[in-house]
Protein backbone atom coordinates (compact mmCIF):
# COMPACT_ATOMS: atom_id res chain seq x y z
CA UNK A 1 -4.18 7.70 -22.26
CA UNK A 2 -5.91 6.74 -19.00
CA UNK A 3 -5.66 3.71 -16.72
CA UNK A 4 -9.22 2.96 -15.65
CA UNK A 5 -10.04 6.46 -14.58
CA UNK A 6 -6.53 7.56 -13.61
CA UNK A 7 -4.73 9.89 -15.97
CA UNK A 8 -1.13 9.28 -17.07
CA UNK A 9 0.05 11.90 -14.56
CA UNK A 10 -1.91 10.31 -11.71
CA UNK A 11 -0.58 6.85 -12.62
CA UNK A 12 3.02 8.16 -12.67
CA UNK A 13 2.57 9.80 -9.27
CA UNK A 14 0.96 6.65 -7.87
CA UNK A 15 3.79 4.49 -9.17
CA UNK A 16 6.39 6.79 -7.62
CA UNK A 17 4.48 6.76 -4.32
CA UNK A 18 4.11 2.96 -4.39
CA UNK A 19 7.89 2.66 -4.81
CA UNK A 20 8.38 4.71 -1.66
CA UNK A 21 5.71 2.82 0.25
CA UNK A 22 7.34 -0.53 -0.51
CA UNK A 23 10.79 -0.19 -2.06
CA UNK A 24 12.59 -3.06 -3.77
CA UNK A 25 15.08 -4.98 -1.65
CA UNK A 26 17.96 -6.87 -3.21
CA UNK A 27 18.88 -8.17 0.25
CA UNK A 28 15.51 -9.92 0.53
CA UNK A 29 15.13 -10.55 -3.20
CA UNK A 30 11.81 -8.76 -3.56
CA UNK A 31 10.59 -6.17 -6.03
CA UNK A 32 9.13 -2.86 -4.95
CA UNK A 33 5.45 -1.98 -5.27
CA UNK A 34 6.44 0.08 -8.33
CA UNK A 35 7.48 -3.10 -10.20
CA UNK A 36 5.73 -3.28 -13.59
CA UNK A 37 3.72 -6.44 -12.79
CA UNK A 38 2.71 -5.34 -9.32
CA UNK A 39 1.86 -1.82 -10.45
CA UNK A 40 -0.30 -3.14 -13.29
CA UNK A 41 -2.20 -5.17 -10.68
CA UNK A 42 -2.58 -2.06 -8.51
CA UNK A 43 -4.09 -0.09 -11.39
CA UNK A 44 -6.41 -2.95 -12.25
CA UNK A 45 -7.45 -3.42 -8.61
CA UNK A 46 -8.35 0.19 -7.73
CA UNK A 47 -12.00 -0.34 -8.71
CA UNK A 48 -14.16 1.02 -5.86
CA UNK A 49 -11.18 2.90 -4.43
CA UNK A 50 -10.57 4.95 -7.59
CA UNK A 51 -12.26 8.08 -6.21
CA UNK A 52 -10.22 7.86 -2.99
CA UNK A 53 -7.06 7.26 -5.03
CA UNK A 54 -7.74 10.35 -7.12
CA UNK A 55 -8.43 12.42 -4.02
CA UNK A 56 -5.23 11.16 -2.37
CA UNK A 57 -3.18 11.81 -5.51
CA UNK A 58 -4.62 15.31 -5.83
CA UNK A 59 -3.52 16.04 -2.24
CA UNK A 60 -0.09 14.54 -2.99
CA UNK A 61 0.21 16.77 -6.05
CA UNK A 62 -0.68 19.85 -3.95
CA UNK A 63 1.95 18.94 -1.35
CA UNK A 64 4.48 18.44 -4.16
CA UNK A 65 3.71 21.72 -5.85
CA UNK A 66 3.32 19.79 -9.10
CA UNK A 67 4.04 16.29 -10.31
CA UNK A 68 5.20 14.09 -7.43
CA UNK A 69 6.93 11.68 -9.82
CA UNK A 70 9.14 14.48 -11.17
CA UNK A 71 10.55 15.51 -7.79
CA UNK A 72 14.14 14.71 -6.86
CA UNK A 73 14.36 11.52 -4.75
CA UNK A 74 15.15 13.36 -1.50
CA UNK A 75 12.30 15.82 -1.98
CA UNK A 76 9.95 13.00 -2.97
CA UNK A 77 10.69 11.22 0.31
CA UNK A 78 10.06 14.42 2.30
CA UNK A 79 6.72 14.99 0.59
CA UNK A 80 5.75 11.33 1.04
CA UNK A 81 6.44 11.51 4.78
CA UNK A 82 4.29 14.62 5.09
CA UNK A 83 1.60 12.98 2.98
CA UNK A 84 1.70 9.96 5.28
CA UNK A 85 0.57 12.16 8.16
CA UNK A 86 -1.96 14.24 6.22
CA UNK A 87 -3.39 11.71 3.75
CA UNK A 88 -6.32 10.53 5.88
CA UNK A 89 -8.92 8.04 4.67
CA UNK A 90 -8.11 8.42 0.94
CA UNK A 91 -4.49 7.47 1.59
CA UNK A 92 -5.64 4.58 3.80
CA UNK A 93 -7.70 3.19 0.90
CA UNK A 94 -4.80 3.62 -1.50
CA UNK A 95 -2.42 1.98 0.96
CA UNK A 96 -4.76 -1.01 1.28
CA UNK A 97 -4.79 -1.58 -2.50
CA UNK A 98 -1.00 -1.28 -2.75
CA UNK A 99 -0.45 -3.77 0.08
CA UNK A 100 -3.05 -6.21 -1.25
CA UNK A 101 -1.44 -6.29 -4.69
CA UNK A 102 2.09 -6.44 -3.35
CA UNK A 103 1.49 -9.46 -1.15
CA UNK A 104 -0.44 -11.18 -3.92
CA UNK A 105 2.70 -11.29 -6.10
CA UNK A 106 4.27 -14.75 -6.40
CA UNK A 107 7.82 -13.41 -6.07
CA UNK A 108 6.99 -11.71 -2.79
CA UNK A 109 5.25 -14.79 -1.40
CA UNK A 110 8.26 -17.00 -2.30
CA UNK A 111 10.62 -14.51 -0.63
CA UNK A 112 8.48 -14.79 2.52
CA UNK A 113 8.84 -18.56 2.40
CA UNK A 114 5.19 -19.05 1.41
CA UNK A 115 3.85 -21.15 -1.42
CA UNK A 116 2.31 -18.71 -3.93
CA UNK A 117 -1.27 -19.98 -3.83
CA UNK A 118 -4.65 -19.15 -2.43
CA UNK A 119 -4.87 -19.60 1.34
CA UNK A 120 -7.80 -21.97 0.95
CA UNK A 121 -8.55 -24.88 0.88
CA UNK A 122 -5.14 -25.90 2.27
CA UNK A 123 -4.77 -22.94 4.63
CA UNK A 124 -1.49 -21.65 6.04
CA UNK A 125 0.14 -22.62 9.30
CA UNK A 126 0.55 -19.66 11.65
CA UNK A 127 2.95 -20.12 14.54
CA UNK A 128 1.56 -19.33 17.96
CA UNK A 129 2.77 -16.05 19.41
CA UNK A 130 2.85 -14.60 22.88
CA UNK A 131 -0.83 -14.21 23.82
CA UNK A 132 0.11 -12.28 26.96
CA UNK A 133 0.75 -9.29 24.69
CA UNK A 134 -3.05 -8.90 24.54
CA UNK A 135 -3.42 -8.58 28.34
CA UNK A 136 -3.49 -4.75 28.31
CA UNK A 137 -6.29 -4.85 25.76
CA UNK A 138 -8.25 -7.41 27.76
CA UNK A 139 -7.92 -5.28 30.92
CA UNK A 140 -9.08 -2.10 29.18
CA UNK A 141 -12.59 -0.86 29.87
CA UNK A 142 -15.11 -1.41 27.05
CA UNK A 143 -15.17 1.34 24.41
CA UNK A 144 -18.82 0.82 23.55
CA UNK A 145 -22.09 1.38 25.31
CA UNK A 146 -24.33 -1.47 26.33
CA UNK A 147 -27.72 -1.66 24.57
């Protein structure tokens, strides 16, 4: 069986990785990214990032020396931390999909004190922060060349 273009093994590894990326928290009352509903959304939402996901999962499998999902929890965490540093652009794409789907879940939005709805047309109120934190960026020399 395949999920889109992911194999069963790739889907199992991705689910195990998603659970490490965003673990469940009983203290905050939120599921992890490996929750069945959230993970189904992740698989459905890969679309244009499928090739990057497969490349990232292949690298994860190489670092694991086999199936990432079958590693002991401690070893899985070690491999995930190494993968975090070596994953590059494919991992970035995968991370983006996981985060997008996670924060789209109604349970997560309620736990954050947000109404689970689209941001528009009502919008969301964002409290003002300390704008002085941007001063170092404003003072920095331009990183582009003038045309």
